[in-house]
Amino acid sequence: MPLKVGLSIGHCYKDKGAKNEELGITEFVINSLIVEDLIICLNDSGISPIIPSTDLMEPGEDLRETTKLFREVGVDAAIELHLNSISVEDSSKIGGALFIYYKNSSGEENANGKKLAMEISSEYSKGITEIKTRGIYPMVIFGNKWFLTDQTDIPAVIVESGFISNINETKLFLNSFFRKRVANCISKGICNFFGVSSAGD
């Protein structure tokens, strides 16, 4: 039976997330394009991607339905794609990719989620040299909860591929070849976690 990995696109049509005003592109659009490439990478590696259809849902409802689908299907891991954003005078000076795993305020962490974050971070740092890899972080640092990891025990990682507020990084994501490289690194990390061969090797 093939491995199944749930893929969640950060934000939705009605809540497009952060936006780079200068380039006129939203976080949701870039996340969606990366997921399209990630689907191909995982399929080529023999892993079945599971993607919820949340296009017309309200913000919040999409998270509940995503979690429900992942539970019903029985995914072996889950990845949610995002881009970071910060409002400062010169946002081009702040960038980088980070990989977030679940750890609650009591210090309990999902050990497999941490391992998955480490594998993806490692591949990202090797394959995407244009964006600094800032490493892995526990969710508790950010002082909030992630609905998916709060409601399931599966290894799950939020991939913040870069900063949409950083115009130099956002320009990279507008390049289709660059997005394919990003997707390939994420896929390799997933494959490493499961101990299977990656089609990108």
Protein backbone atom coordinates (compact mmCIF):
# COMPACT_ATOMS: atom_id res chain seq x y z
CA MET A 1 0.00 0.00 0.00
CA PRO A 2 1.55 3.34 -1.05
CA LEU A 3 2.45 5.98 1.49
CA LYS A 4 0.04 8.90 1.64
CA VAL A 5 1.08 12.48 2.38
CA GLY A 6 -1.48 15.20 2.96
CA LEU A 7 -0.72 18.53 1.28
CA SER A 8 -2.36 21.67 2.59
CA ILE A 9 -2.09 24.97 0.72
CA GLY A 10 -1.62 27.82 3.16
CA HIS A 11 -4.71 30.08 2.99
CA CYS A 12 -7.53 29.85 0.45
CA TYR A 13 -9.26 31.80 -2.34
CA LYS A 14 -11.15 33.95 0.14
CA ASP A 15 -8.14 34.48 2.41
CA LYS A 16 -5.14 34.77 0.15
CA GLY A 17 -2.68 35.38 2.96
CA ALA A 18 0.11 37.94 2.77
CA LYS A 19 0.75 39.91 -0.40
CA ASN A 20 3.78 41.48 -1.99
CA GLU A 21 2.20 44.76 -3.07
CA GLU A 22 5.06 45.76 -5.36
CA LEU A 23 4.82 42.56 -7.39
CA GLY A 24 1.06 42.09 -6.96
CA ILE A 25 1.32 38.42 -5.94
CA THR A 26 -0.25 36.70 -2.95
CA GLU A 27 0.99 33.96 -0.67
CA PHE A 28 -1.88 31.68 -1.67
CA VAL A 29 -0.98 31.84 -5.38
CA ILE A 30 2.68 30.95 -4.80
CA ASN A 31 1.80 28.20 -2.30
CA SER A 32 -0.63 26.71 -4.84
CA LEU A 33 1.99 26.67 -7.60
CA ILE A 34 4.57 24.97 -5.37
CA VAL A 35 2.02 22.35 -4.34
CA GLU A 36 1.29 21.61 -8.01
CA ASP A 37 4.96 20.77 -8.52
CA LEU A 38 5.15 18.87 -5.22
CA ILE A 39 2.27 16.64 -6.32
CA ILE A 40 4.29 15.61 -9.38
CA CYS A 41 7.46 15.00 -7.34
CA LEU A 42 5.66 12.80 -4.81
CA ASN A 43 3.78 10.83 -7.46
CA ASP A 44 7.04 10.20 -9.32
CA SER A 45 8.52 8.87 -6.05
CA GLY A 46 5.63 6.46 -5.48
CA ILE A 47 3.98 8.51 -2.73
CA SER A 48 0.30 9.40 -3.02
CA PRO A 49 -0.39 13.10 -2.37
CA ILE A 50 -3.74 13.83 -0.73
CA ILE A 51 -5.04 17.34 -1.45
CA PRO A 52 -8.28 18.71 -0.01
CA SER A 53 -10.63 20.69 -2.25
CA THR A 54 -11.22 23.82 -0.19
CA ASP A 55 -11.43 26.43 -2.95
CA LEU A 56 -14.85 27.82 -2.08
CA MET A 57 -14.70 27.42 1.68
CA GLU A 58 -14.58 30.15 4.26
CA PRO A 59 -11.35 30.76 6.20
CA GLY A 60 -11.28 28.36 9.14
CA GLU A 61 -13.67 25.95 7.47
CA ASP A 62 -10.89 24.95 5.10
CA LEU A 63 -8.69 23.91 8.04
CA ARG A 64 -11.44 21.80 9.60
CA GLU A 65 -12.20 20.05 6.32
CA THR A 66 -8.50 19.47 5.62
CA THR A 67 -8.02 17.83 9.00
CA LYS A 68 -11.17 15.76 8.54
CA LEU A 69 -9.98 14.49 5.14
CA PHE A 70 -6.51 13.63 6.39
CA ARG A 71 -8.02 11.64 9.25
CA GLU A 72 -10.47 9.76 7.02
CA VAL A 73 -7.83 8.89 4.42
CA GLY A 74 -5.25 8.02 7.06
CA VAL A 75 -2.34 10.06 5.74
CA ASP A 76 1.12 9.07 6.96
CA ALA A 77 2.32 12.67 7.21
CA ALA A 78 1.18 16.17 6.33
CA ILE A 79 2.82 19.28 4.92
CA GLU A 80 1.35 22.77 4.88
CA LEU A 81 2.91 25.36 2.56
CA HIS A 82 3.25 28.99 3.61
CA LEU A 83 5.34 32.10 3.03
CA ASN A 84 6.41 34.37 5.84
CA SER A 85 5.84 38.13 5.92
CA ILE A 86 7.03 41.00 8.06
CA SER A 87 6.29 44.71 8.04
CA VAL A 88 9.48 46.69 8.50
CA GLU A 89 11.01 49.65 6.71
CA ASP A 90 13.39 47.53 4.61
CA SER A 91 11.79 44.10 4.39
CA SER A 92 14.33 43.00 1.76
CA LYS A 93 16.83 42.55 4.58
CA ILE A 94 14.73 39.91 6.31
CA GLY A 95 14.20 36.54 4.67
CA GLY A 96 14.85 32.85 4.83
CA ALA A 97 13.01 29.54 5.00
CA LEU A 98 11.96 27.84 8.21
CA PHE A 99 10.33 24.55 9.07
CA ILE A 100 7.89 24.32 11.97
CA TYR A 101 6.93 21.19 13.86
CA TYR A 102 4.49 20.74 16.71
CA LYS A 103 5.39 21.27 20.33
CA ASN A 104 2.81 22.39 22.85
CA SER A 105 3.17 24.76 25.78
CA SER A 106 3.77 21.81 28.12
CA GLY A 107 6.85 20.84 26.16
CA GLU A 108 5.32 17.77 24.53
CA GLU A 109 6.46 17.40 20.96
CA ASN A 110 5.77 15.15 18.01
CA ALA A 111 9.17 13.46 17.64
CA ASN A 112 8.37 12.26 14.12
CA GLY A 113 7.20 15.71 13.15
CA LYS A 114 10.53 17.09 14.35
CA LYS A 115 12.43 14.46 12.35
CA LEU A 116 10.38 15.26 9.23
CA ALA A 117 11.13 18.97 9.66
CA MET A 118 14.85 18.19 9.97
CA GLU A 119 14.88 16.11 6.79
CA ILE A 120 13.09 18.78 4.75
CA SER A 121 15.25 21.56 6.18
CA SER A 122 18.41 19.60 5.32
CA GLU A 123 17.39 19.07 1.70
CA TYR A 124 16.26 22.69 1.37
CA SER A 125 19.60 24.01 2.61
CA LYS A 126 21.43 21.85 0.05
CA GLY A 127 19.16 22.52 -2.90
CA ILE A 128 18.06 26.14 -2.43
CA THR A 129 21.17 28.22 -1.91
CA GLU A 130 19.49 31.50 -2.93
CA ILE A 131 17.39 31.54 0.24
CA LYS A 132 18.91 31.11 3.67
CA THR A 133 17.61 28.10 5.58
CA ARG A 134 16.85 29.29 9.11
CA GLY A 135 16.32 25.78 10.49
CA ILE A 136 13.52 24.07 12.37
CA TYR A 137 11.38 25.61 15.09
CA PRO A 138 8.79 24.23 17.50
CA MET A 139 5.31 25.69 17.17
CA VAL A 140 5.31 26.73 20.84
CA ILE A 141 7.85 29.47 20.05
CA PHE A 142 5.22 31.26 18.00
CA GLY A 143 2.72 31.20 20.86
CA ASN A 144 -0.20 29.73 18.94
CA LYS A 145 -1.72 26.46 17.83
CA TRP A 146 -1.75 24.78 14.46
CA PHE A 147 -5.17 23.24 13.89
CA LEU A 148 -3.86 20.21 12.03
CA THR A 149 -1.35 19.16 14.66
CA ASP A 150 -3.74 19.97 17.47
CA GLN A 151 -6.29 17.57 16.03
CA THR A 152 -4.09 14.71 14.81
CA ASP A 153 -0.98 12.79 15.91
CA ILE A 154 0.56 12.49 12.47
CA PRO A 155 4.03 13.90 11.75
CA ALA A 156 3.31 17.30 10.26
CA VAL A 157 5.40 20.28 9.20
CA ILE A 158 4.66 23.84 8.20
CA VAL A 159 7.06 24.79 5.42
CA GLU A 160 7.68 28.54 5.29
CA SER A 161 9.51 28.55 1.96
CA GLY A 162 10.66 32.16 2.24
CA PHE A 163 9.40 35.70 2.88
CA ILE A 164 6.83 37.16 0.50
CA SER A 165 7.64 40.55 2.04
CA ASN A 166 11.19 40.14 0.73
CA ILE A 167 11.02 41.26 -2.90
CA ASN A 168 14.18 39.37 -3.88
CA GLU A 169 12.84 36.07 -2.54
CA THR A 170 9.40 36.67 -4.05
CA LYS A 171 10.95 37.25 -7.47
CA LEU A 172 12.59 33.83 -7.16
CA PHE A 173 9.20 32.20 -6.56
CA LEU A 174 7.85 33.75 -9.74
CA ASN A 175 10.27 31.56 -11.69
CA SER A 176 8.72 28.18 -12.53
CA PHE A 177 12.07 26.35 -12.54
CA PHE A 178 12.88 27.70 -9.08
CA ARG A 179 9.51 26.53 -7.74
CA LYS A 180 10.19 23.06 -9.13
CA ARG A 181 13.49 23.02 -7.26
CA VAL A 182 11.71 24.00 -4.05
CA ALA A 183 9.13 21.24 -4.54
CA ASN A 184 11.87 18.72 -5.28
CA CYS A 185 13.71 19.57 -2.05
CA ILE A 186 10.54 19.19 0.01
CA SER A 187 9.80 15.88 -1.72
CA LYS A 188 13.35 14.61 -1.08
CA GLY A 189 13.01 15.45 2.60
CA ILE A 190 9.74 13.53 2.79
CA CYS A 191 11.29 10.56 1.01
CA ASN A 192 14.29 10.60 3.36
CA PHE A 193 11.93 10.58 6.33
CA PHE A 194 10.15 7.50 5.05
CA GLY A 195 13.34 5.81 3.82
CA VAL A 196 12.24 5.60 0.20
CA SER A 197 14.02 6.62 -3.00
CA SER A 198 13.26 10.04 -4.40
CA ALA A 199 12.65 10.49 -8.10
CA GLY A 200 14.74 13.67 -7.86
CA ASP A 201 17.92 11.80 -6.89
